Amino acid sequence: MTWQWLETTRDLQQRSFGVDYDKLTGDALADYITWNVTALTAELGEFLNEVGWKTWAQPRGWVHRDRAVGELVDVAHFLANLVAALGVTDEEWEQRYT
């Protein structure tokens, strides 16, 4: 059995925060999207803090791998919230990805 990323996200959001994607419309949908895009952007910034990416700083190319992966998990969480809010299924996501 494969992991159903978006199905799991929908279930987690429902159980933890009472999010009902079927009823998320209008201003509530706009707010949910804005909140998740803001969080996703912040998490990407946190990810960058865990890698040596700055061209003007030395040393470069270092990675705090465990912390970087943790930040990317956070990024994926907020991305999944956005994708689920649009009603995308795991099957559709896989098809579009491949």
PDB file of N, CA and C in Angstrom:
ATOM      1  N   MET A   1       0.840  -1.183   0.000  1.00  0.00           N
ATOM      2  CA  MET A   1       0.000   0.000   0.000  1.00  0.00           C
ATOM      3  C   MET A   1       0.882   1.242   0.000  1.00  0.00           C
ATOM      4  N   THR A   2       0.544   2.202  -0.844  1.00  0.00           N
ATOM      5  CA  THR A   2       1.317   3.431  -0.906  1.00  0.00           C
ATOM      6  C   THR A   2       0.703   4.486   0.001  1.00  0.00           C
ATOM      7  N   TRP A   3       1.541   5.394   0.429  1.00  0.00           N
ATOM      8  CA  TRP A   3       1.097   6.481   1.290  1.00  0.00           C
ATOM      9  C   TRP A   3       0.257   7.448   0.473  1.00  0.00           C
ATOM     10  N   GLN A   4      -0.883   7.800   0.962  1.00  0.00           N
ATOM     11  CA  GLN A   4      -1.774   8.756   0.320  1.00  0.00           C
ATOM     12  C   GLN A   4      -1.558  10.115   0.980  1.00  0.00           C
ATOM     13  N   TRP A   5      -0.615  10.884   0.410  1.00  0.00           N
ATOM     14  CA  TRP A   5      -0.162  12.144   0.996  1.00  0.00           C
ATOM     15  C   TRP A   5      -1.310  13.127   1.205  1.00  0.00           C
ATOM     16  N   LEU A   6      -2.104  13.361   0.192  1.00  0.00           N
ATOM     17  CA  LEU A   6      -3.169  14.359   0.297  1.00  0.00           C
ATOM     18  C   LEU A   6      -4.348  13.865   1.135  1.00  0.00           C
ATOM     19  N   GLU A   7      -4.648  12.594   1.031  1.00  0.00           N
ATOM     20  CA  GLU A   7      -5.699  12.016   1.881  1.00  0.00           C
ATOM     21  C   GLU A   7      -5.300  12.141   3.348  1.00  0.00           C
ATOM     22  N   THR A   8      -4.045  11.860   3.644  1.00  0.00           N
ATOM     23  CA  THR A   8      -3.532  11.979   5.005  1.00  0.00           C
ATOM     24  C   THR A   8      -3.584  13.427   5.473  1.00  0.00           C
ATOM     25  N   THR A   9      -3.246  14.351   4.575  1.00  0.00           N
ATOM     26  CA  THR A   9      -3.302  15.774   4.908  1.00  0.00           C
ATOM     27  C   THR A   9      -4.721  16.199   5.250  1.00  0.00           C
ATOM     28  N   ARG A  10      -5.668  15.797   4.412  1.00  0.00           N
ATOM     29  CA  ARG A  10      -7.068  16.151   4.682  1.00  0.00           C
ATOM     30  C   ARG A  10      -7.510  15.630   6.053  1.00  0.00           C
ATOM     31  N   ASP A  11      -7.174  14.384   6.351  1.00  0.00           N
ATOM     32  CA  ASP A  11      -7.548  13.778   7.628  1.00  0.00           C
ATOM     33  C   ASP A  11      -6.888  14.512   8.796  1.00  0.00           C
ATOM     34  N   LEU A  12      -5.609  14.813   8.671  1.00  0.00           N
ATOM     35  CA  LEU A  12      -4.882  15.514   9.733  1.00  0.00           C
ATOM     36  C   LEU A  12      -5.479  16.892   9.986  1.00  0.00           C
ATOM     37  N   GLN A  13      -5.766  17.643   8.916  1.00  0.00           N
ATOM     38  CA  GLN A  13      -6.327  18.976   9.075  1.00  0.00           C
ATOM     39  C   GLN A  13      -7.728  18.926   9.692  1.00  0.00           C
ATOM     40  N   GLN A  14      -8.502  17.924   9.329  1.00  0.00           N
ATOM     41  CA  GLN A  14      -9.845  17.770   9.896  1.00  0.00           C
ATOM     42  C   GLN A  14      -9.766  17.443  11.384  1.00  0.00           C
ATOM     43  N   ARG A  15      -8.957  16.447  11.732  1.00  0.00           N
ATOM     44  CA  ARG A  15      -8.851  16.016  13.134  1.00  0.00           C
ATOM     45  C   ARG A  15      -8.208  17.076  14.021  1.00  0.00           C
ATOM     46  N   SER A  16      -7.156  17.707  13.522  1.00  0.00           N
ATOM     47  CA  SER A  16      -6.381  18.627  14.350  1.00  0.00           C
ATOM     48  C   SER A  16      -6.958  20.034  14.410  1.00  0.00           C
ATOM     49  N   PHE A  17      -7.519  20.506  13.295  1.00  0.00           N
ATOM     50  CA  PHE A  17      -7.921  21.912  13.217  1.00  0.00           C
ATOM     51  C   PHE A  17      -9.356  22.126  12.755  1.00  0.00           C
ATOM     52  N   GLY A  18     -10.096  21.033  12.505  1.00  0.00           N
ATOM     53  CA  GLY A  18     -11.480  21.161  12.086  1.00  0.00           C
ATOM     54  C   GLY A  18     -11.672  21.676  10.674  1.00  0.00           C
ATOM     55  N   VAL A  19     -10.631  21.585   9.837  1.00  0.00           N
ATOM     56  CA  VAL A  19     -10.725  22.067   8.453  1.00  0.00           C
ATOM     57  C   VAL A  19     -11.587  21.095   7.648  1.00  0.00           C
ATOM     58  N   ASP A  20     -12.622  21.622   7.035  1.00  0.00           N
ATOM     59  CA  ASP A  20     -13.473  20.838   6.142  1.00  0.00           C
ATOM     60  C   ASP A  20     -13.286  21.399   4.746  1.00  0.00           C
ATOM     61  N   TYR A  21     -12.465  20.724   3.955  1.00  0.00           N
ATOM     62  CA  TYR A  21     -12.133  21.229   2.629  1.00  0.00           C
ATOM     63  C   TYR A  21     -13.360  21.353   1.727  1.00  0.00           C
ATOM     64  N   ASP A  22     -14.366  20.539   1.954  1.00  0.00           N
ATOM     65  CA  ASP A  22     -15.584  20.621   1.145  1.00  0.00           C
ATOM     66  C   ASP A  22     -16.358  21.908   1.397  1.00  0.00           C
ATOM     67  N   LYS A  23     -16.197  22.486   2.563  1.00  0.00           N
ATOM     68  CA  LYS A  23     -16.920  23.710   2.923  1.00  0.00           C
ATOM     69  C   LYS A  23     -16.031  24.955   2.878  1.00  0.00           C
ATOM     70  N   LEU A  24     -14.789  24.790   2.478  1.00  0.00           N
ATOM     71  CA  LEU A  24     -13.838  25.897   2.446  1.00  0.00           C
ATOM     72  C   LEU A  24     -14.023  26.677   1.141  1.00  0.00           C
ATOM     73  N   THR A  25     -14.732  27.796   1.223  1.00  0.00           N
ATOM     74  CA  THR A  25     -15.039  28.603   0.042  1.00  0.00           C
ATOM     75  C   THR A  25     -14.921  30.087   0.383  1.00  0.00           C
ATOM     76  N   GLY A  26     -14.975  30.915  -0.648  1.00  0.00           N
ATOM     77  CA  GLY A  26     -15.027  32.364  -0.462  1.00  0.00           C
ATOM     78  C   GLY A  26     -13.883  32.913   0.368  1.00  0.00           C
ATOM     79  N   ASP A  27     -14.231  33.794   1.305  1.00  0.00           N
ATOM     80  CA  ASP A  27     -13.222  34.430   2.150  1.00  0.00           C
ATOM     81  C   ASP A  27     -12.435  33.411   2.969  1.00  0.00           C
ATOM     82  N   ALA A  28     -13.105  32.374   3.444  1.00  0.00           N
ATOM     83  CA  ALA A  28     -12.415  31.356   4.244  1.00  0.00           C
ATOM     84  C   ALA A  28     -11.356  30.640   3.413  1.00  0.00           C
ATOM     85  N   LEU A  29     -11.666  30.346   2.152  1.00  0.00           N
ATOM     86  CA  LEU A  29     -10.686  29.719   1.267  1.00  0.00           C
ATOM     87  C   LEU A  29      -9.535  30.671   0.994  1.00  0.00           C
ATOM     88  N   ALA A  30      -9.845  31.935   0.717  1.00  0.00           N
ATOM     89  CA  ALA A  30      -8.796  32.929   0.470  1.00  0.00           C
ATOM     90  C   ALA A  30      -7.883  33.077   1.681  1.00  0.00           C
ATOM     91  N   ASP A  31      -8.468  33.110   2.879  1.00  0.00           N
ATOM     92  CA  ASP A  31      -7.668  33.211   4.106  1.00  0.00           C
ATOM     93  C   ASP A  31      -6.806  31.978   4.299  1.00  0.00           C
ATOM     94  N   TYR A  32      -7.370  30.798   4.057  1.00  0.00           N
ATOM     95  CA  TYR A  32      -6.625  29.546   4.218  1.00  0.00           C
ATOM     96  C   TYR A  32      -5.443  29.497   3.252  1.00  0.00           C
ATOM     97  N   ILE A  33      -5.680  29.890   2.017  1.00  0.00           N
ATOM     98  CA  ILE A  33      -4.602  29.906   1.024  1.00  0.00           C
ATOM     99  C   ILE A  33      -3.524  30.907   1.430  1.00  0.00           C
ATOM    100  N   THR A  34      -3.931  32.102   1.824  1.00  0.00           N
ATOM    101  CA  THR A  34      -2.962  33.134   2.232  1.00  0.00           C
ATOM    102  C   THR A  34      -2.133  32.664   3.412  1.00  0.00           C
ATOM    103  N   TRP A  35      -2.778  32.075   4.410  1.00  0.00           N
ATOM    104  CA  TRP A  35      -2.069  31.600   5.596  1.00  0.00           C
ATOM    105  C   TRP A  35      -1.053  30.513   5.234  1.00  0.00           C
ATOM    106  N   ASN A  36      -1.462  29.588   4.389  1.00  0.00           N
ATOM    107  CA  ASN A  36      -0.568  28.491   4.025  1.00  0.00           C
ATOM    108  C   ASN A  36       0.571  28.935   3.114  1.00  0.00           C
ATOM    109  N   VAL A  37       0.316  29.872   2.203  1.00  0.00           N
ATOM    110  CA  VAL A  37       1.397  30.410   1.369  1.00  0.00           C
ATOM    111  C   VAL A  37       2.400  31.163   2.244  1.00  0.00           C
ATOM    112  N   THR A  38       1.900  31.930   3.204  1.00  0.00           N
ATOM    113  CA  THR A  38       2.785  32.646   4.126  1.00  0.00           C
ATOM    114  C   THR A  38       3.640  31.669   4.921  1.00  0.00           C
ATOM    115  N   ALA A  39       3.017  30.631   5.451  1.00  0.00           N
ATOM    116  CA  ALA A  39       3.754  29.629   6.224  1.00  0.00           C
ATOM    117  C   ALA A  39       4.757  28.886   5.352  1.00  0.00           C
ATOM    118  N   LEU A  40       4.360  28.529   4.141  1.00  0.00           N
ATOM    119  CA  LEU A  40       5.252  27.825   3.222  1.00  0.00           C
ATOM    120  C   LEU A  40       6.469  28.685   2.901  1.00  0.00           C
ATOM    121  N   THR A  41       6.244  29.967   2.657  1.00  0.00           N
ATOM    122  CA  THR A  41       7.345  30.886   2.358  1.00  0.00           C
ATOM    123  C   THR A  41       8.300  31.001   3.553  1.00  0.00           C
ATOM    124  N   ALA A  42       7.741  31.111   4.750  1.00  0.00           N
ATOM    125  CA  ALA A  42       8.563  31.191   5.955  1.00  0.00           C
ATOM    126  C   ALA A  42       9.388  29.920   6.137  1.00  0.00           C
ATOM    127  N   GLU A  43       8.779  28.767   5.894  1.00  0.00           N
ATOM    128  CA  GLU A  43       9.500  27.499   6.043  1.00  0.00           C
ATOM    129  C   GLU A  43      10.617  27.365   5.009  1.00  0.00           C
ATOM    130  N   LEU A  44      10.403  27.867   3.801  1.00  0.00           N
ATOM    131  CA  LEU A  44      11.484  27.858   2.804  1.00  0.00           C
ATOM    132  C   LEU A  44      12.657  28.703   3.282  1.00  0.00           C
ATOM    133  N   GLY A  45      12.348  29.849   3.902  1.00  0.00           N
ATOM    134  CA  GLY A  45      13.405  30.680   4.484  1.00  0.00           C
ATOM    135  C   GLY A  45      14.148  29.954   5.590  1.00  0.00           C
ATOM    136  N   GLU A  46      13.412  29.233   6.417  1.00  0.00           N
ATOM    137  CA  GLU A  46      14.051  28.451   7.482  1.00  0.00           C
ATOM    138  C   GLU A  46      14.925  27.354   6.899  1.00  0.00           C
ATOM    139  N   PHE A  47      14.490  26.751   5.800  1.00  0.00           N
ATOM    140  CA  PHE A  47      15.311  25.752   5.124  1.00  0.00           C
ATOM    141  C   PHE A  47      16.630  26.384   4.660  1.00  0.00           C
ATOM    142  N   LEU A  48      16.549  27.564   4.058  1.00  0.00           N
ATOM    143  CA  LEU A  48      17.767  28.227   3.579  1.00  0.00           C
ATOM    144  C   LEU A  48      18.754  28.512   4.705  1.00  0.00           C
ATOM    145  N   ASN A  49      18.243  28.720   5.917  1.00  0.00           N
ATOM    146  CA  ASN A  49      19.128  28.942   7.058  1.00  0.00           C
ATOM    147  C   ASN A  49      19.931  27.701   7.425  1.00  0.00           C
ATOM    148  N   GLU A  50      19.548  26.560   6.916  1.00  0.00           N
ATOM    149  CA  GLU A  50      20.223  25.297   7.237  1.00  0.00           C
ATOM    150  C   GLU A  50      21.188  24.836   6.160  1.00  0.00           C
ATOM    151  N   VAL A  51      21.386  25.658   5.139  1.00  0.00           N
ATOM    152  CA  VAL A  51      22.349  25.330   4.075  1.00  0.00           C
ATOM    153  C   VAL A  51      23.223  26.548   3.782  1.00  0.00           C
ATOM    154  N   GLY A  52      24.462  26.285   3.409  1.00  0.00           N
ATOM    155  CA  GLY A  52      25.383  27.366   3.073  1.00  0.00           C
ATOM    156  C   GLY A  52      25.228  27.768   1.622  1.00  0.00           C
ATOM    157  N   TRP A  53      24.273  28.658   1.353  1.00  0.00           N
ATOM    158  CA  TRP A  53      23.940  29.030  -0.027  1.00  0.00           C
ATOM    159  C   TRP A  53      24.493  30.388  -0.426  1.00  0.00           C
ATOM    160  N   LYS A  54      24.907  31.209   0.522  1.00  0.00           N
ATOM    161  CA  LYS A  54      25.291  32.584   0.239  1.00  0.00           C
ATOM    162  C   LYS A  54      26.612  32.650  -0.539  1.00  0.00           C
ATOM    163  N   THR A  55      26.567  33.289  -1.700  1.00  0.00           N
ATOM    164  CA  THR A  55      27.764  33.389  -2.551  1.00  0.00           C
ATOM    165  C   THR A  55      28.836  34.269  -1.915  1.00  0.00           C
ATOM    166  N   TRP A  56      28.454  35.168  -1.032  1.00  0.00           N
ATOM    167  CA  TRP A  56      29.392  36.097  -0.420  1.00  0.00           C
ATOM    168  C   TRP A  56      29.949  35.613   0.918  1.00  0.00           C
ATOM    169  N   ALA A  57      29.509  34.460   1.372  1.00  0.00           N
ATOM    170  CA  ALA A  57      29.949  33.941   2.666  1.00  0.00           C
ATOM    171  C   ALA A  57      30.770  32.671   2.482  1.00  0.00           C
ATOM    172  N   GLN A  58      31.698  32.484   3.373  1.00  0.00           N
ATOM    173  CA  GLN A  58      32.507  31.270   3.370  1.00  0.00           C
ATOM    174  C   GLN A  58      32.409  30.636   4.753  1.00  0.00           C
ATOM    175  N   PRO A  59      32.393  29.340   4.859  1.00  0.00           N
ATOM    176  CA  PRO A  59      32.402  28.396   3.740  1.00  0.00           C
ATOM    177  C   PRO A  59      31.016  28.290   3.105  1.00  0.00           C
ATOM    178  N   ARG A  60      30.976  27.760   1.907  1.00  0.00           N
ATOM    179  CA  ARG A  60      29.727  27.517   1.186  1.00  0.00           C
ATOM    180  C   ARG A  60      29.527  26.012   1.042  1.00  0.00           C
ATOM    181  N   GLY A  61      28.292  25.628   0.732  1.00  0.00           N
ATOM    182  CA  GLY A  61      28.007  24.232   0.416  1.00  0.00           C
ATOM    183  C   GLY A  61      27.766  23.329   1.610  1.00  0.00           C
ATOM    184  N   TRP A  62      27.785  23.882   2.808  1.00  0.00           N
ATOM    185  CA  TRP A  62      27.512  23.049   3.987  1.00  0.00           C
ATOM    186  C   TRP A  62      26.001  22.856   4.135  1.00  0.00           C
ATOM    187  N   VAL A  63      25.635  21.779   4.802  1.00  0.00           N
ATOM    188  CA  VAL A  63      24.223  21.484   5.042  1.00  0.00           C
ATOM    189  C   VAL A  63      24.077  20.889   6.433  1.00  0.00           C
ATOM    190  N   HIS A  64      23.171  21.451   7.213  1.00  0.00           N
ATOM    191  CA  HIS A  64      22.733  20.798   8.457  1.00  0.00           C
ATOM    192  C   HIS A  64      21.589  19.880   8.037  1.00  0.00           C
ATOM    193  N   ARG A  65      21.953  18.691   7.582  1.00  0.00           N
ATOM    194  CA  ARG A  65      21.015  17.816   6.887  1.00  0.00           C
ATOM    195  C   ARG A  65      19.746  17.523   7.685  1.00  0.00           C
ATOM    196  N   ASP A  66      19.876  17.134   8.929  1.00  0.00           N
ATOM    197  CA  ASP A  66      18.703  16.763   9.712  1.00  0.00           C
ATOM    198  C   ASP A  66      17.747  17.941   9.855  1.00  0.00           C
ATOM    199  N   ARG A  67      18.283  19.111  10.161  1.00  0.00           N
ATOM    200  CA  ARG A  67      17.431  20.300  10.300  1.00  0.00           C
ATOM    201  C   ARG A  67      16.862  20.720   8.955  1.00  0.00           C
ATOM    202  N   ALA A  68      17.665  20.611   7.880  1.00  0.00           N
ATOM    203  CA  ALA A  68      17.186  20.971   6.543  1.00  0.00           C
ATOM    204  C   ALA A  68      16.025  20.075   6.117  1.00  0.00           C
ATOM    205  N   VAL A  69      16.169  18.781   6.351  1.00  0.00           N
ATOM    206  CA  VAL A  69      15.087  17.849   6.006  1.00  0.00           C
ATOM    207  C   VAL A  69      13.837  18.178   6.819  1.00  0.00           C
ATOM    208  N   GLY A  70      14.005  18.490   8.086  1.00  0.00           N
ATOM    209  CA  GLY A  70      12.870  18.866   8.923  1.00  0.00           C
ATOM    210  C   GLY A  70      12.131  20.083   8.377  1.00  0.00           C
ATOM    211  N   GLU A  71      12.879  21.066   7.911  1.00  0.00           N
ATOM    212  CA  GLU A  71      12.249  22.252   7.324  1.00  0.00           C
ATOM    213  C   GLU A  71      11.530  21.907   6.023  1.00  0.00           C
ATOM    214  N   LEU A  72      12.095  21.009   5.230  1.00  0.00           N
ATOM    215  CA  LEU A  72      11.433  20.601   3.989  1.00  0.00           C
ATOM    216  C   LEU A  72      10.159  19.809   4.267  1.00  0.00           C
ATOM    217  N   VAL A  73      10.136  19.063   5.361  1.00  0.00           N
ATOM    218  CA  VAL A  73       8.899  18.388   5.766  1.00  0.00           C
ATOM    219  C   VAL A  73       7.834  19.443   6.067  1.00  0.00           C
ATOM    220  N   ASP A  74       8.235  20.521   6.748  1.00  0.00           N
ATOM    221  CA  ASP A  74       7.292  21.609   7.015  1.00  0.00           C
ATOM    222  C   ASP A  74       6.805  22.243   5.715  1.00  0.00           C
ATOM    223  N   VAL A  75       7.721  22.453   4.768  1.00  0.00           N
ATOM    224  CA  VAL A  75       7.352  22.996   3.457  1.00  0.00           C
ATOM    225  C   VAL A  75       6.311  22.088   2.795  1.00  0.00           C
ATOM    226  N   ALA A  76       6.583  20.794   2.797  1.00  0.00           N
ATOM    227  CA  ALA A  76       5.671  19.833   2.176  1.00  0.00           C
ATOM    228  C   ALA A  76       4.304  19.842   2.861  1.00  0.00           C
ATOM    229  N   HIS A  77       4.292  20.036   4.170  1.00  0.00           N
ATOM    230  CA  HIS A  77       3.032  20.088   4.917  1.00  0.00           C
ATOM    231  C   HIS A  77       2.152  21.227   4.402  1.00  0.00           C
ATOM    232  N   PHE A  78       2.727  22.417   4.283  1.00  0.00           N
ATOM    233  CA  PHE A  78       1.930  23.567   3.847  1.00  0.00           C
ATOM    234  C   PHE A  78       1.601  23.485   2.366  1.00  0.00           C
ATOM    235  N   LEU A  79       2.485  22.897   1.576  1.00  0.00           N
ATOM    236  CA  LEU A  79       2.171  22.669   0.165  1.00  0.00           C
ATOM    237  C   LEU A  79       0.988  21.701   0.044  1.00  0.00           C
ATOM    238  N   ALA A  80       1.010  20.643   0.819  1.00  0.00           N
ATOM    239  CA  ALA A  80      -0.096  19.672   0.796  1.00  0.00           C
ATOM    240  C   ALA A  80      -1.405  20.333   1.204  1.00  0.00           C
ATOM    241  N   ASN A  81      -1.372  21.234   2.192  1.00  0.00           N
ATOM    242  CA  ASN A  81      -2.588  21.950   2.580  1.00  0.00           C
ATOM    243  C   ASN A  81      -3.154  22.722   1.391  1.00  0.00           C
ATOM    244  N   LEU A  82      -2.285  23.383   0.643  1.00  0.00           N
ATOM    245  CA  LEU A  82      -2.739  24.169  -0.513  1.00  0.00           C
ATOM    246  C   LEU A  82      -3.305  23.282  -1.609  1.00  0.00           C
ATOM    247  N   VAL A  83      -2.616  22.192  -1.889  1.00  0.00           N
ATOM    248  CA  VAL A  83      -3.069  21.280  -2.940  1.00  0.00           C
ATOM    249  C   VAL A  83      -4.403  20.649  -2.547  1.00  0.00           C
ATOM    250  N   ALA A  84      -4.517  20.246  -1.286  1.00  0.00           N
ATOM    251  CA  ALA A  84      -5.765  19.648  -0.803  1.00  0.00           C
ATOM    252  C   ALA A  84      -6.908  20.663  -0.845  1.00  0.00           C
ATOM    253  N   ALA A  85      -6.606  21.926  -0.560  1.00  0.00           N
ATOM    254  CA  ALA A  85      -7.642  22.954  -0.588  1.00  0.00           C
ATOM    255  C   ALA A  85      -8.228  23.139  -1.985  1.00  0.00           C
ATOM    256  N   LEU A  86      -7.459  22.793  -2.997  1.00  0.00           N
ATOM    257  CA  LEU A  86      -7.938  22.886  -4.381  1.00  0.00           C
ATOM    258  C   LEU A  86      -8.671  21.627  -4.820  1.00  0.00           C
ATOM    259  N   GLY A  87      -8.775  20.654  -3.922  1.00  0.00           N
ATOM    260  CA  GLY A  87      -9.513  19.436  -4.227  1.00  0.00           C
ATOM    261  C   GLY A  87      -8.741  18.430  -5.061  1.00  0.00           C
ATOM    262  N   VAL A  88      -7.426  18.590  -5.115  1.00  0.00           N
ATOM    263  CA  VAL A  88      -6.595  17.657  -5.885  1.00  0.00           C
ATOM    264  C   VAL A  88      -6.495  16.337  -5.123  1.00  0.00           C
ATOM    265  N   THR A  89      -6.623  15.229  -5.821  1.00  0.00           N
ATOM    266  CA  THR A  89      -6.481  13.906  -5.215  1.00  0.00           C
ATOM    267  C   THR A  89      -5.047  13.424  -5.368  1.00  0.00           C
ATOM    268  N   ASP A  90      -4.719  12.399  -4.610  1.00  0.00           N
ATOM    269  CA  ASP A  90      -3.392  11.800  -4.741  1.00  0.00           C
ATOM    270  C   ASP A  90      -3.167  11.282  -6.158  1.00  0.00           C
ATOM    271  N   GLU A  91      -4.201  10.709  -6.735  1.00  0.00           N
ATOM    272  CA  GLU A  91      -4.085  10.153  -8.084  1.00  0.00           C
ATOM    273  C   GLU A  91      -3.826  11.262  -9.108  1.00  0.00           C
ATOM    274  N   GLU A  92      -4.557  12.365  -8.991  1.00  0.00           N
ATOM    275  CA  GLU A  92      -4.339  13.484  -9.910  1.00  0.00           C
ATOM    276  C   GLU A  92      -2.945  14.069  -9.739  1.00  0.00           C
ATOM    277  N   TRP A  93      -2.514  14.216  -8.497  1.00  0.00           N
ATOM    278  CA  TRP A  93      -1.180  14.769  -8.212  1.00  0.00           C
ATOM    279  C   TRP A  93      -0.108  13.884  -8.839  1.00  0.00           C
ATOM    280  N   GLU A  94      -0.229  12.575  -8.636  1.00  0.00           N
ATOM    281  CA  GLU A  94       0.759  11.656  -9.211  1.00  0.00           C
ATOM    282  C   GLU A  94       0.764  11.733 -10.723  1.00  0.00           C
ATOM    283  N   GLN A  95      -0.424  11.775 -11.339  1.00  0.00           N
ATOM    284  CA  GLN A  95      -0.511  11.851 -12.788  1.00  0.00           C
ATOM    285  C   GLN A  95       0.149  13.120 -13.311  1.00  0.00           C
ATOM    286  N   ARG A  96      -0.145  14.246 -12.707  1.00  0.00           N
ATOM    287  CA  ARG A  96       0.418  15.513 -13.159  1.00  0.00           C
ATOM    288  C   ARG A  96       1.918  15.577 -12.915  1.00  0.00           C
ATOM    289  N   TYR A  97       2.350  14.975 -11.814  1.00  0.00           N
ATOM    290  CA  TYR A  97       3.778  14.978 -11.488  1.00  0.00           C
ATOM    291  C   TYR A  97       4.566  14.138 -12.491  1.00  0.00           C
ATOM    292  N   THR A  98       4.031  12.965 -12.802  1.00  0.00           N
ATOM    293  CA  THR A  98       4.761  12.075 -13.702  1.00  0.00           C
ATOM    294  C   THR A  98       4.542  12.456 -15.144  1.00  0.00           C
TER     295      THR A  98
END
